[in-house]
N, C-alpha and C. Protein backbone atom coordinates (compact mmCIF):
# COMPACT_ATOMS: atom_id res chain seq x y z
N MET A 1 100.55 141.42 141.80
CA MET A 1 100.56 140.09 141.21
C MET A 1 100.82 139.09 142.33
N ASN A 2 99.81 138.27 142.60
CA ASN A 2 99.91 137.30 143.69
C ASN A 2 100.16 135.90 143.17
N ILE A 3 100.89 135.13 143.93
CA ILE A 3 101.14 133.72 143.62
C ILE A 3 99.80 133.00 143.58
N HIS A 4 99.61 132.13 142.59
CA HIS A 4 98.38 131.34 142.53
C HIS A 4 98.42 130.24 143.58
N LYS A 5 97.37 130.17 144.35
CA LYS A 5 97.29 129.17 145.41
C LYS A 5 96.41 127.99 145.02
N THR A 6 95.63 128.14 143.92
CA THR A 6 94.76 127.05 143.48
C THR A 6 94.86 126.86 141.97
N LEU A 7 94.53 125.68 141.54
CA LEU A 7 94.48 125.38 140.11
C LEU A 7 93.46 126.27 139.41
N ASP A 8 92.33 126.50 140.04
CA ASP A 8 91.29 127.33 139.43
C ASP A 8 91.78 128.75 139.12
N GLU A 9 92.62 129.31 139.99
CA GLU A 9 93.18 130.64 139.73
C GLU A 9 94.02 130.63 138.46
N ALA A 10 94.83 129.60 138.29
CA ALA A 10 95.67 129.49 137.09
C ALA A 10 94.82 129.29 135.85
N ILE A 11 93.84 128.42 135.91
CA ILE A 11 92.97 128.16 134.77
C ILE A 11 92.26 129.44 134.35
N GLU A 12 91.74 130.17 135.30
CA GLU A 12 91.03 131.41 135.00
C GLU A 12 91.95 132.44 134.34
N ALA A 13 93.19 132.52 134.81
CA ALA A 13 94.13 133.50 134.25
C ALA A 13 94.66 133.08 132.88
N GLY A 14 94.82 131.77 132.65
CA GLY A 14 95.44 131.28 131.43
C GLY A 14 96.94 131.09 131.59
N TYR A 15 97.42 131.22 132.81
CA TYR A 15 98.82 131.03 133.15
C TYR A 15 98.91 130.84 134.66
N VAL A 16 100.02 130.32 135.12
CA VAL A 16 100.22 130.13 136.55
C VAL A 16 101.29 131.11 137.03
N ILE A 17 101.05 131.70 138.20
CA ILE A 17 102.05 132.56 138.84
C ILE A 17 102.56 131.80 140.06
N ARG A 18 103.89 131.62 140.11
CA ARG A 18 104.49 130.93 141.25
C ARG A 18 105.82 131.59 141.60
N ASP A 19 106.36 131.20 142.73
CA ASP A 19 107.72 131.64 143.04
C ASP A 19 108.68 130.52 142.66
N ARG A 20 109.95 130.72 142.88
CA ARG A 20 110.95 129.74 142.45
C ARG A 20 110.93 128.45 143.25
N ASN A 21 110.31 128.43 144.40
CA ASN A 21 110.41 127.28 145.29
C ASN A 21 109.13 126.47 145.44
N HIS A 22 108.03 126.89 144.86
CA HIS A 22 106.76 126.20 145.06
C HIS A 22 106.16 125.79 143.72
N TYR A 23 106.06 124.48 143.52
CA TYR A 23 105.63 123.94 142.23
C TYR A 23 104.27 123.24 142.28
N GLY A 24 103.65 123.16 143.44
CA GLY A 24 102.41 122.39 143.59
C GLY A 24 101.33 122.78 142.59
N VAL A 25 100.90 124.01 142.61
CA VAL A 25 99.84 124.48 141.69
C VAL A 25 100.36 124.46 140.26
N SER A 26 101.62 124.81 140.08
CA SER A 26 102.22 124.81 138.74
C SER A 26 102.19 123.41 138.12
N ASN A 27 102.52 122.39 138.90
CA ASN A 27 102.48 121.02 138.39
C ASN A 27 101.06 120.59 138.05
N LYS A 28 100.11 120.95 138.90
CA LYS A 28 98.71 120.64 138.62
C LYS A 28 98.26 121.34 137.34
N TYR A 29 98.68 122.58 137.16
CA TYR A 29 98.31 123.33 135.96
C TYR A 29 98.94 122.70 134.71
N TRP A 30 100.20 122.26 134.81
CA TRP A 30 100.87 121.58 133.69
C TRP A 30 100.03 120.38 133.24
N HIS A 31 99.61 119.55 134.18
CA HIS A 31 98.80 118.37 133.84
C HIS A 31 97.44 118.77 133.28
N TRP A 32 96.83 119.80 133.83
CA TRP A 32 95.55 120.28 133.33
C TRP A 32 95.70 120.76 131.88
N CYS A 33 96.77 121.51 131.60
CA CYS A 33 97.01 122.01 130.24
C CYS A 33 97.18 120.86 129.26
N THR A 34 97.93 119.84 129.66
CA THR A 34 98.12 118.66 128.80
C THR A 34 96.78 118.00 128.51
N LYS A 35 96.01 117.75 129.53
CA LYS A 35 94.72 117.07 129.39
C LYS A 35 93.73 117.88 128.55
N ASN A 36 93.80 119.21 128.63
CA ASN A 36 92.82 120.07 127.97
C ASN A 36 93.35 120.78 126.73
N THR A 37 94.52 120.37 126.26
CA THR A 37 95.15 120.92 125.05
C THR A 37 95.26 122.44 125.10
N LYS A 38 95.86 122.90 126.17
CA LYS A 38 96.11 124.33 126.37
C LYS A 38 97.62 124.55 126.51
N PRO A 39 98.10 125.71 126.13
CA PRO A 39 99.53 126.00 126.31
C PRO A 39 99.84 126.20 127.80
N PHE A 40 100.98 125.69 128.23
CA PHE A 40 101.42 125.90 129.61
C PHE A 40 102.22 127.18 129.66
N VAL A 41 101.68 128.18 130.35
CA VAL A 41 102.34 129.47 130.50
C VAL A 41 102.55 129.70 132.00
N ALA A 42 103.76 130.13 132.35
CA ALA A 42 104.07 130.35 133.77
C ALA A 42 104.82 131.65 133.95
N ILE A 43 104.52 132.29 135.07
CA ILE A 43 105.29 133.44 135.54
C ILE A 43 105.97 132.99 136.82
N ILE A 44 107.30 133.09 136.84
CA ILE A 44 108.05 132.78 138.05
C ILE A 44 108.43 134.13 138.65
N LYS A 45 107.76 134.46 139.70
CA LYS A 45 107.86 135.79 140.31
C LYS A 45 109.12 135.91 141.15
N ARG A 46 109.78 137.04 140.98
CA ARG A 46 110.92 137.41 141.81
C ARG A 46 110.59 138.75 142.45
N THR A 47 111.56 139.48 142.93
CA THR A 47 111.28 140.75 143.59
C THR A 47 110.91 141.85 142.61
N LYS A 48 111.80 142.17 141.69
CA LYS A 48 111.57 143.25 140.74
C LYS A 48 111.30 142.73 139.33
N TYR A 49 111.79 141.54 139.04
CA TYR A 49 111.65 140.95 137.71
C TYR A 49 110.98 139.60 137.82
N ALA A 50 110.53 139.10 136.68
CA ALA A 50 109.90 137.79 136.62
C ALA A 50 110.42 137.04 135.39
N HIS A 51 110.38 135.74 135.48
CA HIS A 51 110.68 134.87 134.35
C HIS A 51 109.33 134.45 133.79
N VAL A 52 109.11 134.66 132.49
CA VAL A 52 107.84 134.27 131.87
C VAL A 52 108.16 133.25 130.79
N GLU A 53 107.45 132.13 130.80
CA GLU A 53 107.72 131.06 129.84
C GLU A 53 106.44 130.45 129.29
N ILE A 54 106.58 129.90 128.10
CA ILE A 54 105.51 129.10 127.52
C ILE A 54 106.15 127.80 127.04
N ASP A 55 105.51 126.70 127.39
CA ASP A 55 106.02 125.38 127.05
C ASP A 55 104.90 124.60 126.36
N LEU A 56 105.15 124.23 125.11
CA LEU A 56 104.17 123.49 124.32
C LEU A 56 104.53 122.01 124.18
N LEU A 57 105.44 121.52 125.02
CA LEU A 57 105.95 120.16 124.89
C LEU A 57 104.84 119.11 124.82
N ASN A 58 103.85 119.20 125.68
CA ASN A 58 102.79 118.19 125.72
C ASN A 58 101.59 118.54 124.86
N THR A 59 101.65 119.64 124.12
CA THR A 59 100.48 120.05 123.35
C THR A 59 100.77 120.39 121.90
N SER A 60 102.00 120.21 121.44
CA SER A 60 102.33 120.52 120.05
C SER A 60 103.58 119.77 119.64
N LEU A 61 103.55 119.17 118.46
CA LEU A 61 104.74 118.48 117.96
C LEU A 61 105.80 119.46 117.47
N HIS A 62 105.37 120.52 116.83
CA HIS A 62 106.31 121.45 116.21
C HIS A 62 106.24 122.85 116.79
N GLY A 63 105.17 123.20 117.47
CA GLY A 63 105.06 124.50 118.10
C GLY A 63 104.98 125.64 117.10
N PHE A 64 105.66 126.72 117.42
CA PHE A 64 105.60 127.92 116.60
C PHE A 64 106.47 127.77 115.35
N SER A 65 105.96 128.28 114.25
CA SER A 65 106.74 128.33 113.00
C SER A 65 107.75 129.47 113.11
N ARG A 66 108.67 129.53 112.18
CA ARG A 66 109.66 130.61 112.16
C ARG A 66 108.98 131.97 112.00
N ASN A 67 107.94 132.03 111.16
CA ASN A 67 107.22 133.29 110.97
C ASN A 67 106.55 133.75 112.27
N VAL A 68 105.98 132.82 113.00
CA VAL A 68 105.35 133.18 114.27
C VAL A 68 106.42 133.61 115.28
N ALA A 69 107.55 132.94 115.29
CA ALA A 69 108.66 133.34 116.16
C ALA A 69 109.07 134.78 115.88
N ASP A 70 109.16 135.13 114.61
CA ASP A 70 109.50 136.51 114.24
C ASP A 70 108.41 137.48 114.73
N GLU A 71 107.17 137.06 114.63
CA GLU A 71 106.04 137.89 115.10
C GLU A 71 106.14 138.11 116.62
N ILE A 72 106.48 137.07 117.35
CA ILE A 72 106.63 137.18 118.80
C ILE A 72 107.75 138.16 119.15
N ILE A 73 108.87 138.02 118.47
CA ILE A 73 110.01 138.92 118.72
C ILE A 73 109.60 140.37 118.48
N GLU A 74 108.92 140.61 117.39
CA GLU A 74 108.49 141.98 117.05
C GLU A 74 107.51 142.52 118.09
N GLU A 75 106.56 141.69 118.49
CA GLU A 75 105.53 142.12 119.45
C GLU A 75 106.12 142.47 120.82
N LEU A 76 107.16 141.76 121.23
CA LEU A 76 107.67 141.92 122.58
C LEU A 76 108.87 142.85 122.69
N LYS A 77 109.20 143.54 121.60
CA LYS A 77 110.34 144.47 121.62
C LYS A 77 110.18 145.56 122.67
N SER A 78 108.96 145.99 122.93
CA SER A 78 108.74 147.11 123.84
C SER A 78 108.66 146.70 125.31
N ILE A 79 108.70 145.41 125.59
CA ILE A 79 108.59 144.95 126.98
C ILE A 79 109.88 145.28 127.73
N ARG A 80 109.71 145.81 128.93
CA ARG A 80 110.85 146.22 129.74
C ARG A 80 111.48 145.03 130.44
N CYS A 81 112.79 144.85 130.21
CA CYS A 81 113.55 143.76 130.81
C CYS A 81 114.79 144.31 131.50
N ARG A 82 115.36 143.50 132.35
CA ARG A 82 116.62 143.88 132.99
C ARG A 82 117.68 144.05 131.91
N LYS A 83 118.29 145.20 131.85
CA LYS A 83 119.19 145.55 130.76
C LYS A 83 120.48 144.75 130.75
N LEU A 84 120.94 144.30 131.89
CA LEU A 84 122.23 143.62 131.94
C LEU A 84 122.12 142.11 131.69
N HIS A 85 120.93 141.60 131.57
CA HIS A 85 120.77 140.16 131.37
C HIS A 85 121.21 139.78 129.96
N HIS A 86 121.87 138.65 129.82
CA HIS A 86 122.41 138.25 128.52
C HIS A 86 121.34 137.76 127.54
N VAL A 87 120.20 137.32 128.03
CA VAL A 87 119.11 136.88 127.15
C VAL A 87 117.87 137.68 127.49
N ARG A 88 117.37 138.43 126.53
CA ARG A 88 116.17 139.23 126.73
C ARG A 88 114.93 138.41 126.38
N LEU A 89 115.03 137.64 125.31
CA LEU A 89 113.92 136.82 124.82
C LEU A 89 114.51 135.66 124.04
N GLN A 90 114.08 134.45 124.36
CA GLN A 90 114.50 133.27 123.62
C GLN A 90 113.25 132.63 123.05
N VAL A 91 113.14 132.62 121.72
CA VAL A 91 111.95 132.07 121.07
C VAL A 91 112.30 130.77 120.38
N GLY A 92 111.59 129.73 120.71
CA GLY A 92 111.76 128.44 120.06
C GLY A 92 110.40 127.90 119.66
N GLY A 93 110.40 126.85 118.91
CA GLY A 93 109.14 126.26 118.48
C GLY A 93 108.30 125.77 119.63
N ILE A 94 108.93 125.04 120.56
CA ILE A 94 108.21 124.41 121.66
C ILE A 94 108.33 125.21 122.96
N TYR A 95 109.47 125.84 123.20
CA TYR A 95 109.70 126.54 124.46
C TYR A 95 110.20 127.96 124.18
N THR A 96 109.53 128.92 124.79
CA THR A 96 109.88 130.33 124.63
C THR A 96 109.89 130.97 126.01
N TYR A 97 110.86 131.85 126.26
CA TYR A 97 110.90 132.49 127.57
C TYR A 97 111.54 133.86 127.53
N MET A 98 111.16 134.65 128.51
CA MET A 98 111.78 135.94 128.80
C MET A 98 112.22 135.86 130.26
N PRO A 99 113.54 135.81 130.51
CA PRO A 99 114.02 135.55 131.87
C PRO A 99 114.04 136.74 132.82
N SER A 100 113.86 137.94 132.34
CA SER A 100 113.99 139.08 133.25
C SER A 100 113.04 140.21 132.88
N VAL A 101 111.76 139.89 132.85
CA VAL A 101 110.71 140.88 132.53
C VAL A 101 110.43 141.70 133.78
N LEU A 102 110.31 143.00 133.61
CA LEU A 102 109.92 143.85 134.73
C LEU A 102 108.58 143.33 135.26
N ILE A 103 108.45 143.20 136.55
CA ILE A 103 107.29 142.57 137.17
C ILE A 103 105.96 143.17 136.69
N GLU A 104 105.94 144.46 136.41
CA GLU A 104 104.72 145.12 135.96
C GLU A 104 104.28 144.65 134.57
N ASP A 105 105.20 144.11 133.78
CA ASP A 105 104.89 143.66 132.42
C ASP A 105 104.70 142.15 132.30
N ALA A 106 104.94 141.41 133.37
CA ALA A 106 104.93 139.95 133.30
C ALA A 106 103.57 139.38 132.88
N GLU A 107 102.49 139.88 133.44
CA GLU A 107 101.18 139.35 133.09
C GLU A 107 100.82 139.67 131.64
N LYS A 108 101.24 140.82 131.15
CA LYS A 108 101.00 141.17 129.74
C LYS A 108 101.70 140.16 128.82
N VAL A 109 102.94 139.81 129.15
CA VAL A 109 103.68 138.83 128.36
C VAL A 109 103.00 137.46 128.44
N ALA A 110 102.60 137.06 129.64
CA ALA A 110 101.95 135.75 129.82
C ALA A 110 100.66 135.66 129.01
N LYS A 111 99.85 136.70 129.05
CA LYS A 111 98.61 136.71 128.27
C LYS A 111 98.90 136.65 126.77
N TYR A 112 99.92 137.36 126.34
CA TYR A 112 100.29 137.32 124.93
C TYR A 112 100.76 135.92 124.53
N PHE A 113 101.61 135.31 125.34
CA PHE A 113 102.07 133.95 125.05
C PHE A 113 100.88 133.00 124.91
N TYR A 114 99.93 133.09 125.83
CA TYR A 114 98.76 132.21 125.80
C TYR A 114 97.95 132.43 124.52
N GLU A 115 97.67 133.69 124.22
CA GLU A 115 96.83 134.00 123.05
C GLU A 115 97.48 133.57 121.74
N ILE A 116 98.77 133.83 121.58
CA ILE A 116 99.41 133.46 120.32
C ILE A 116 99.53 131.94 120.20
N ALA A 117 99.72 131.25 121.31
CA ALA A 117 99.77 129.79 121.25
C ALA A 117 98.41 129.20 120.89
N MET A 118 97.35 129.78 121.43
CA MET A 118 96.01 129.29 121.10
C MET A 118 95.71 129.51 119.62
N GLU A 119 96.21 130.61 119.08
CA GLU A 119 95.94 130.94 117.68
C GLU A 119 96.92 130.26 116.72
N LYS A 120 98.22 130.21 117.08
CA LYS A 120 99.23 129.80 116.10
C LYS A 120 100.22 128.76 116.62
N GLY A 121 99.91 128.09 117.70
CA GLY A 121 100.85 127.14 118.31
C GLY A 121 100.72 125.71 117.83
N ASN A 122 99.84 125.46 116.86
CA ASN A 122 99.65 124.10 116.33
C ASN A 122 99.34 123.11 117.45
N LEU A 123 98.40 123.44 118.32
CA LEU A 123 98.08 122.62 119.48
C LEU A 123 97.34 121.34 119.07
N MET A 124 97.66 120.25 119.78
CA MET A 124 97.06 118.94 119.52
C MET A 124 96.84 118.22 120.84
N THR A 125 95.87 117.31 120.83
CA THR A 125 95.68 116.44 121.98
C THR A 125 96.83 115.43 122.01
N GLN A 126 96.98 114.73 123.12
CA GLN A 126 98.01 113.70 123.22
C GLN A 126 97.80 112.61 122.17
N ASN A 127 96.55 112.20 121.93
CA ASN A 127 96.26 111.17 120.92
C ASN A 127 96.61 111.66 119.52
N GLU A 128 96.27 112.92 119.21
CA GLU A 128 96.61 113.48 117.90
C GLU A 128 98.13 113.54 117.71
N MET A 129 98.85 113.90 118.77
CA MET A 129 100.30 113.95 118.68
C MET A 129 100.89 112.57 118.43
N LEU A 130 100.36 111.56 119.09
CA LEU A 130 100.83 110.19 118.91
C LEU A 130 100.59 109.72 117.48
N GLU A 131 99.39 109.96 116.97
CA GLU A 131 99.07 109.55 115.60
C GLU A 131 99.92 110.30 114.58
N GLN A 132 100.12 111.59 114.78
CA GLN A 132 100.95 112.39 113.87
C GLN A 132 102.40 111.90 113.90
N SER A 133 102.90 111.60 115.08
CA SER A 133 104.27 111.07 115.20
C SER A 133 104.43 109.75 114.44
N LYS A 134 103.42 108.90 114.55
CA LYS A 134 103.45 107.62 113.83
C LYS A 134 103.47 107.86 112.32
N ARG A 135 102.63 108.79 111.84
CA ARG A 135 102.59 109.08 110.41
C ARG A 135 103.92 109.65 109.92
N GLU A 136 104.49 110.56 110.71
CA GLU A 136 105.78 111.14 110.33
C GLU A 136 106.88 110.10 110.32
N ALA A 137 106.87 109.18 111.27
CA ALA A 137 107.87 108.12 111.34
C ALA A 137 107.73 107.17 110.14
N ALA A 138 106.50 106.98 109.69
CA ALA A 138 106.25 106.10 108.54
C ALA A 138 106.48 106.81 107.21
N GLY A 139 106.74 108.12 107.27
CA GLY A 139 107.02 108.87 106.05
C GLY A 139 105.80 109.43 105.34
N TYR A 140 104.67 109.53 106.04
CA TYR A 140 103.45 110.08 105.43
C TYR A 140 103.38 111.56 105.61
């Protein structure tokens, strides 16, 4: 698993792979995801483990429903994580992460996060999110 050096590598994969200290391609991918209504999925590579996250902040008002969160938890039970870590998987509507995935399983988790977000993440363009927010604020 190699660090992505270009935006095109991240787009092709459906997620960005970076280390803890280099955000250049990751930031470009974040903006690309926002512009193209795609979920932002990242693998932060370490030596033996990786942090895998999905962030729907710019692409969904509500993100995953409780039922989808339960589905994610069930699907990822078999993923190998560092046993001593206090958080194995944190699932939220907008932000979900696994902080200590065995490096060999990180891409599998990233692909799963991307696919479930595309199917069940309630993705919206920035304009759709703005209009929906206005309707919700007005009580519609």
